[in-house]
Amino acid sequence: MLPQDLMDRRTAKGVSLLQIATATKIGVRYLEAIECGEFQKLPGGFYTESYIRQYAQAVDDADNALLDYYRSAFAPQIVEPAAGPEPEVWMDRFREVVRSALGLSPDPPLPVTKSRPA
């Protein structure tokens, strides 16, 4: 369901934006933005979905079609970070910085031992 459809539903019920604003405590400019589908004008985060949900309830959108529309078309998509090299352990980096500051040489690599057959 598009935002304009809910605006038509609201006007058919004879409910004004001012009445919805009074009932929901949402500013009229935000309600107008919802009806125009200009979701970027909403405050963002939790408030955006909350405002859309409250508006939809005020115009009897029981199945939350407007909220589903917003989520599918406008909600930010979660992007997984690209897999990169393993992060360096902070303690190893700290040791390296301290050794460098004190002019110490790095630890020699551990000797490789061959295992004996049992």
Protein backbone atom coordinates (compact mmCIF):
# COMPACT_ATOMS: atom_id res chain seq x y z
CA MET A 1 0.00 0.00 0.00
CA LEU A 2 1.38 3.38 -1.00
CA PRO A 3 1.31 6.43 1.28
CA GLN A 4 -1.16 8.15 -1.06
CA ASP A 5 -3.61 5.29 -0.57
CA LEU A 6 -3.61 5.94 3.16
CA MET A 7 -4.13 9.65 2.55
CA ASP A 8 -7.23 8.74 0.52
CA ARG A 9 -8.35 6.45 3.35
CA ARG A 10 -7.81 9.26 5.88
CA THR A 11 -9.81 11.79 3.87
CA ALA A 12 -12.59 9.23 3.28
CA LYS A 13 -12.84 8.78 7.07
CA GLY A 14 -13.07 12.55 7.47
CA VAL A 15 -9.98 12.74 9.67
CA SER A 16 -7.63 15.68 9.35
CA LEU A 17 -3.88 15.65 9.77
CA LEU A 18 -4.31 17.97 12.73
CA GLN A 19 -6.52 15.39 14.45
CA ILE A 20 -3.93 12.68 13.86
CA ALA A 21 -1.17 15.00 15.07
CA THR A 22 -3.10 15.70 18.26
CA ALA A 23 -3.78 12.03 18.88
CA THR A 24 -0.26 10.78 18.10
CA LYS A 25 1.83 13.78 19.20
CA ILE A 26 3.55 13.71 15.79
CA GLY A 27 4.11 17.02 14.04
CA VAL A 28 1.90 17.82 11.06
CA ARG A 29 4.95 18.31 8.83
CA TYR A 30 6.05 14.72 9.56
CA LEU A 31 2.56 13.40 8.83
CA GLU A 32 2.56 15.32 5.54
CA ALA A 33 5.95 13.80 4.70
CA ILE A 34 4.56 10.32 5.36
CA GLU A 35 1.56 10.95 3.09
CA CYS A 36 3.84 12.22 0.33
CA GLY A 37 6.21 9.29 0.71
CA GLU A 38 9.07 11.64 1.64
CA PHE A 39 10.43 9.44 4.39
CA GLN A 40 13.83 11.16 4.27
CA LYS A 41 12.16 14.17 5.97
CA LEU A 42 11.38 12.08 9.05
CA PRO A 43 13.76 12.26 12.01
CA GLY A 44 15.33 8.87 11.29
CA GLY A 45 16.17 5.79 13.28
CA PHE A 46 13.55 4.45 15.64
CA TYR A 47 11.34 7.51 15.18
CA THR A 48 10.76 6.95 11.47
CA GLU A 49 9.22 3.51 11.89
CA SER A 50 7.35 4.62 15.00
CA TYR A 51 5.80 7.61 13.19
CA ILE A 52 4.84 5.49 10.20
CA ARG A 53 3.30 2.82 12.45
CA GLN A 54 1.29 5.39 14.45
CA TYR A 55 0.04 7.11 11.30
CA ALA A 56 -0.98 3.78 9.79
CA GLN A 57 -2.89 2.84 12.95
CA ALA A 58 -4.66 6.20 12.92
CA VAL A 59 -6.02 5.51 9.43
CA ASP A 60 -6.83 1.85 10.16
CA ASP A 61 -3.98 0.18 8.31
CA ALA A 62 -4.27 -2.95 10.43
CA ASP A 63 -1.91 -5.08 8.34
CA ASN A 64 0.93 -2.49 8.51
CA ALA A 65 1.16 -2.32 4.72
CA LEU A 66 2.65 1.19 4.88
CA LEU A 67 5.40 0.07 7.25
CA ASP A 68 6.15 -2.92 5.03
CA TYR A 69 6.30 -0.57 2.02
CA TYR A 70 8.75 1.70 3.84
CA ARG A 71 10.95 -1.19 4.93
CA SER A 72 11.14 -2.72 1.47
CA ALA A 73 11.69 0.52 -0.43
CA PHE A 74 13.42 2.97 1.87
CA ALA A 75 14.82 1.37 5.01
CA PRO A 76 18.59 1.21 5.06
CA GLN A 77 19.90 -2.16 4.06
CA ILE A 78 22.33 -3.91 6.39
CA VAL A 79 25.65 -4.27 4.62
CA GLU A 80 28.11 -6.83 5.86
CA PRO A 81 31.68 -5.59 5.99
CA ALA A 82 34.04 -7.08 3.46
CA ALA A 83 36.22 -9.86 4.78
CA GLY A 84 39.71 -8.54 5.27
CA PRO A 85 42.85 -9.64 6.98
CA GLU A 86 42.62 -10.73 10.56
CA PRO A 87 42.85 -7.75 12.89
CA GLU A 88 46.16 -7.47 14.65
CA VAL A 89 46.01 -8.31 18.31
CA TRP A 90 46.33 -5.04 20.19
CA MET A 91 48.80 -6.43 22.74
CA ASP A 92 51.21 -7.54 19.99
CA ARG A 93 51.04 -4.09 18.46
CA PHE A 94 51.57 -2.49 21.88
CA ARG A 95 54.67 -4.64 22.50
CA GLU A 96 56.04 -3.67 19.10
CA VAL A 97 55.59 0.04 19.81
CA VAL A 98 57.21 -0.22 23.26
CA ARG A 99 60.18 -2.19 21.88
CA SER A 100 60.62 0.33 19.12
CA ALA A 101 60.45 3.26 21.57
CA LEU A 102 63.02 1.63 23.85
CA GLY A 103 65.27 0.62 20.96
CA LEU A 104 64.93 -3.08 21.67
CA SER A 105 65.12 -5.71 18.98
CA PRO A 106 62.02 -7.76 18.23
CA ASP A 107 61.65 -11.22 19.71
CA PRO A 108 63.40 -13.86 17.62
CA PRO A 109 61.07 -16.36 16.01
CA LEU A 110 60.50 -19.56 17.92
CA PRO A 111 62.50 -22.55 16.70
CA VAL A 112 60.64 -25.12 14.67
CA THR A 113 60.85 -28.57 16.21
CA LYS A 114 60.12 -31.74 14.36
CA SER A 115 57.85 -34.16 16.09
CA ARG A 116 59.11 -37.69 16.57
CA PRO A 117 56.96 -40.62 15.57
CA ALA A 118 55.49 -42.40 18.56
